Amino acid sequence: MRRRYFTVAVVLAVAASLTLSSCLGSFALTNKVLNWNRQVGDKFVNEVVFFALWVLPVYELSFIADMLVINSIEFWSGENPVVAQTKIIDGKDARYLVACDSKGYTITNLSDNSVIKFNFDEMNKAWSVEANGQEKPLFSFVDDTHIKMITPDGSFKTVELSQQGVWAYEEAMSNQCTFAMK
């Protein structure tokens, strides 16, 4: 009898070490449900919805789906299927297909099939735009309150992420563009 308990304990320990180690995952589905709940209303409404979603096992099911399926897909493929999204937007002149993935955004003009990509370089914390096979930098993050923006002459200017900082950048760029036109 003791041998049987020991065998079961070893099997459980091996199973736990295989399933509970490695990638923690981003739990994107569970976070989407939580973020949706935060958007519902004031704190009292959010609390009622939060409680209702626990009672109806929405949180439990999203957590289990994340834990068993979605995080495994993210671990093996490098991309989370919940994060990737596509949306069709009706613009003034055309319809656009906007696809979002872990690398950035791809915008396709559905009338002429032209494609523009906004790419995020995680290592440099920088955004760039790619069109017609050419990629140009847009800006990069310096810290939580500053970014480096590209200027018309190709250099970069540090901008404070505040209303005054953005206004100062706009004014400097409009003055630079005015001088360039003369």
Protein backbone atom coordinates (compact mmCIF):
# COMPACT_ATOMS: atom_id res chain seq x y z
CA MET A 1 0.00 0.00 0.00
CA ARG A 2 2.83 2.39 0.86
CA ARG A 3 4.50 1.66 -2.44
CA ARG A 4 1.33 2.64 -4.30
CA TYR A 5 1.18 6.03 -2.50
CA PHE A 6 4.84 6.61 -3.28
CA THR A 7 4.28 5.84 -6.99
CA VAL A 8 1.28 8.16 -7.13
CA ALA A 9 3.27 10.91 -5.39
CA VAL A 10 6.15 10.55 -7.86
CA VAL A 11 3.78 10.62 -10.86
CA LEU A 12 2.04 13.74 -9.49
CA ALA A 13 5.38 15.45 -8.80
CA VAL A 14 6.64 14.74 -12.34
CA ALA A 15 3.33 15.88 -13.87
CA ALA A 16 3.38 19.07 -11.80
CA SER A 17 6.99 19.83 -12.73
CA LEU A 18 6.19 19.41 -16.44
CA THR A 19 2.98 21.41 -16.43
CA LEU A 20 3.72 24.13 -13.86
CA SER A 21 7.19 25.13 -15.03
CA SER A 22 8.41 27.25 -17.98
CA CYS A 23 6.25 30.00 -19.50
CA LEU A 24 3.92 31.93 -17.24
CA GLY A 25 2.09 33.52 -20.18
CA SER A 26 0.37 36.85 -20.58
CA PHE A 27 -3.19 35.66 -19.80
CA ALA A 28 -4.48 37.96 -22.55
CA LEU A 29 -8.04 36.60 -22.56
CA THR A 30 -8.46 37.01 -18.80
CA ASN A 31 -6.97 40.50 -18.99
CA LYS A 32 -9.37 41.41 -21.81
CA VAL A 33 -12.32 40.38 -19.66
CA LEU A 34 -10.96 42.39 -16.72
CA ASN A 35 -10.29 45.45 -18.91
CA TRP A 36 -13.79 45.23 -20.37
CA ASN A 37 -15.20 45.17 -16.84
CA ARG A 38 -13.24 48.32 -15.96
CA GLN A 39 -14.92 50.13 -18.88
CA VAL A 40 -18.50 49.27 -17.89
CA GLY A 41 -19.23 52.14 -15.50
CA ASP A 42 -18.36 53.58 -12.11
CA LYS A 43 -16.80 51.52 -9.33
CA PHE A 44 -20.14 50.28 -8.01
CA VAL A 45 -21.30 48.99 -11.40
CA ASN A 46 -17.85 47.45 -11.99
CA GLU A 47 -18.10 45.61 -8.66
CA VAL A 48 -21.54 44.20 -9.49
CA VAL A 49 -20.37 43.08 -12.95
CA PHE A 50 -17.18 41.64 -11.43
CA PHE A 51 -19.22 39.60 -8.94
CA ALA A 52 -21.65 38.47 -11.65
CA LEU A 53 -18.81 37.31 -13.90
CA TRP A 54 -17.38 35.25 -11.03
CA VAL A 55 -20.76 33.66 -10.30
CA LEU A 56 -21.40 32.91 -14.00
CA PRO A 57 -17.84 31.39 -14.22
CA VAL A 58 -16.69 33.79 -16.99
CA TYR A 59 -13.43 34.57 -15.18
CA GLU A 60 -12.83 30.94 -14.32
CA LEU A 61 -13.39 29.78 -17.91
CA SER A 62 -11.21 32.56 -19.39
CA PHE A 63 -8.45 31.70 -16.90
CA ILE A 64 -8.62 27.99 -17.73
CA ALA A 65 -8.63 28.73 -21.49
CA ASP A 66 -5.60 30.99 -21.03
CA MET A 67 -3.77 28.52 -18.84
CA LEU A 68 -4.37 25.37 -20.88
CA VAL A 69 -4.64 26.56 -24.49
CA ILE A 70 -3.80 30.19 -25.27
CA ASN A 71 -0.62 30.48 -23.17
CA SER A 72 0.62 27.20 -24.67
CA ILE A 73 0.06 28.58 -28.18
CA GLU A 74 1.87 31.77 -27.14
CA PHE A 75 4.79 29.77 -25.72
CA TRP A 76 5.30 27.57 -28.79
CA SER A 77 4.51 30.09 -31.56
CA GLY A 78 5.69 33.30 -29.89
CA GLU A 79 2.36 35.04 -30.61
CA ASN A 80 -0.82 35.15 -28.58
CA PRO A 81 -3.91 34.53 -30.76
CA VAL A 82 -6.06 36.72 -28.49
CA VAL A 83 -3.81 39.75 -28.98
CA ALA A 84 -3.97 39.62 -32.77
CA GLN A 85 -6.97 41.56 -34.06
CA THR A 86 -8.32 42.81 -37.37
CA LYS A 87 -10.89 45.49 -37.96
CA ILE A 88 -12.40 47.13 -41.03
CA ILE A 89 -12.65 50.92 -40.83
CA ASP A 90 -14.68 53.04 -43.23
CA GLY A 91 -12.63 56.13 -43.98
CA LYS A 92 -13.58 59.26 -45.85
CA ASP A 93 -12.08 58.06 -49.13
CA ALA A 94 -11.77 54.28 -48.72
CA ARG A 95 -12.22 51.22 -46.51
CA TYR A 96 -9.21 50.02 -44.56
CA LEU A 97 -8.34 46.69 -43.01
CA VAL A 98 -6.33 47.25 -39.84
CA ALA A 99 -4.52 44.21 -38.47
CA CYS A 100 -2.87 44.34 -35.07
CA ASP A 101 -0.31 41.85 -33.87
CA SER A 102 2.59 41.78 -31.42
CA LYS A 103 4.87 43.60 -33.88
CA GLY A 104 2.57 46.56 -34.66
CA TYR A 105 -0.18 47.48 -37.13
CA THR A 106 -0.72 46.71 -40.80
CA ILE A 107 -3.17 48.98 -42.62
CA THR A 108 -4.42 47.84 -46.03
CA ASN A 109 -6.40 50.15 -48.30
CA LEU A 110 -9.09 47.82 -49.63
CA SER A 111 -9.70 49.91 -52.79
CA ASP A 112 -6.15 49.89 -54.16
CA ASN A 113 -4.56 47.18 -51.91
CA SER A 114 -1.76 49.52 -50.81
CA VAL A 115 -0.22 48.56 -47.47
CA ILE A 116 1.34 50.67 -44.73
CA LYS A 117 2.89 49.07 -41.66
CA PHE A 118 3.59 50.65 -38.30
CA ASN A 119 6.31 48.51 -36.72
CA PHE A 120 7.41 48.49 -33.09
CA ASP A 121 11.01 47.54 -32.29
CA GLU A 122 10.81 46.30 -28.71
CA MET A 123 14.57 46.28 -28.17
CA ASN A 124 14.97 49.98 -29.10
CA LYS A 125 11.45 50.95 -27.95
CA ALA A 126 10.92 52.65 -31.30
CA TRP A 127 8.08 52.97 -33.84
CA SER A 128 8.67 53.16 -37.58
CA VAL A 129 6.48 53.31 -40.67
CA GLU A 130 6.99 51.02 -43.69
CA ALA A 131 5.52 51.72 -47.11
CA ASN A 132 6.58 50.63 -50.61
CA GLY A 133 9.42 48.56 -49.18
CA GLN A 134 11.02 51.50 -47.34
CA GLU A 135 11.04 51.84 -43.58
CA LYS A 136 11.40 55.25 -41.89
CA PRO A 137 11.66 55.92 -38.14
CA LEU A 138 8.85 57.87 -36.44
CA PHE A 139 9.78 58.11 -32.77
CA SER A 140 11.36 56.24 -29.89
CA PHE A 141 10.66 56.25 -26.18
CA VAL A 142 13.31 57.90 -23.99
CA ASP A 143 11.56 57.37 -20.65
CA ASP A 144 8.02 57.51 -19.27
CA THR A 145 7.66 61.24 -19.99
CA HIS A 146 9.80 61.84 -23.11
CA ILE A 147 10.10 60.59 -26.68
CA LYS A 148 12.47 61.37 -29.55
CA MET A 149 10.49 62.51 -32.61
CA ILE A 150 11.84 62.78 -36.13
CA THR A 151 12.06 66.25 -37.68
CA PRO A 152 11.67 67.16 -41.37
CA ASP A 153 15.47 67.33 -41.79
CA GLY A 154 15.83 63.73 -40.51
CA SER A 155 17.26 64.57 -37.09
CA PHE A 156 15.53 63.74 -33.81
CA LYS A 157 14.13 66.11 -31.20
CA THR A 158 13.30 65.10 -27.62
CA VAL A 159 9.69 65.95 -26.78
CA GLU A 160 8.02 65.98 -23.38
CA LEU A 161 4.81 63.94 -23.32
CA SER A 162 2.60 66.74 -22.10
CA GLN A 163 0.29 69.21 -23.79
CA GLN A 164 2.95 71.93 -23.61
CA GLY A 165 5.62 69.58 -24.97
CA VAL A 166 3.47 68.55 -27.94
CA TRP A 167 2.53 72.19 -28.66
CA ALA A 168 6.22 73.18 -28.57
CA TYR A 169 7.08 70.36 -30.99
CA GLU A 170 4.24 71.31 -33.36
CA GLU A 171 5.32 74.96 -33.31
CA ALA A 172 8.96 74.10 -33.95
CA MET A 173 8.02 71.78 -36.81
CA SER A 174 5.65 74.30 -38.42
CA ASN A 175 8.40 76.95 -38.25
CA GLN A 176 10.94 74.51 -39.70
CA CYS A 177 8.54 73.57 -42.51
CA THR A 178 7.86 77.27 -43.24
CA PHE A 179 11.59 77.95 -43.56
CA ALA A 180 12.05 74.90 -45.78
CA MET A 181 9.33 76.14 -48.18
CA LYS A 182 10.94 79.59 -48.66
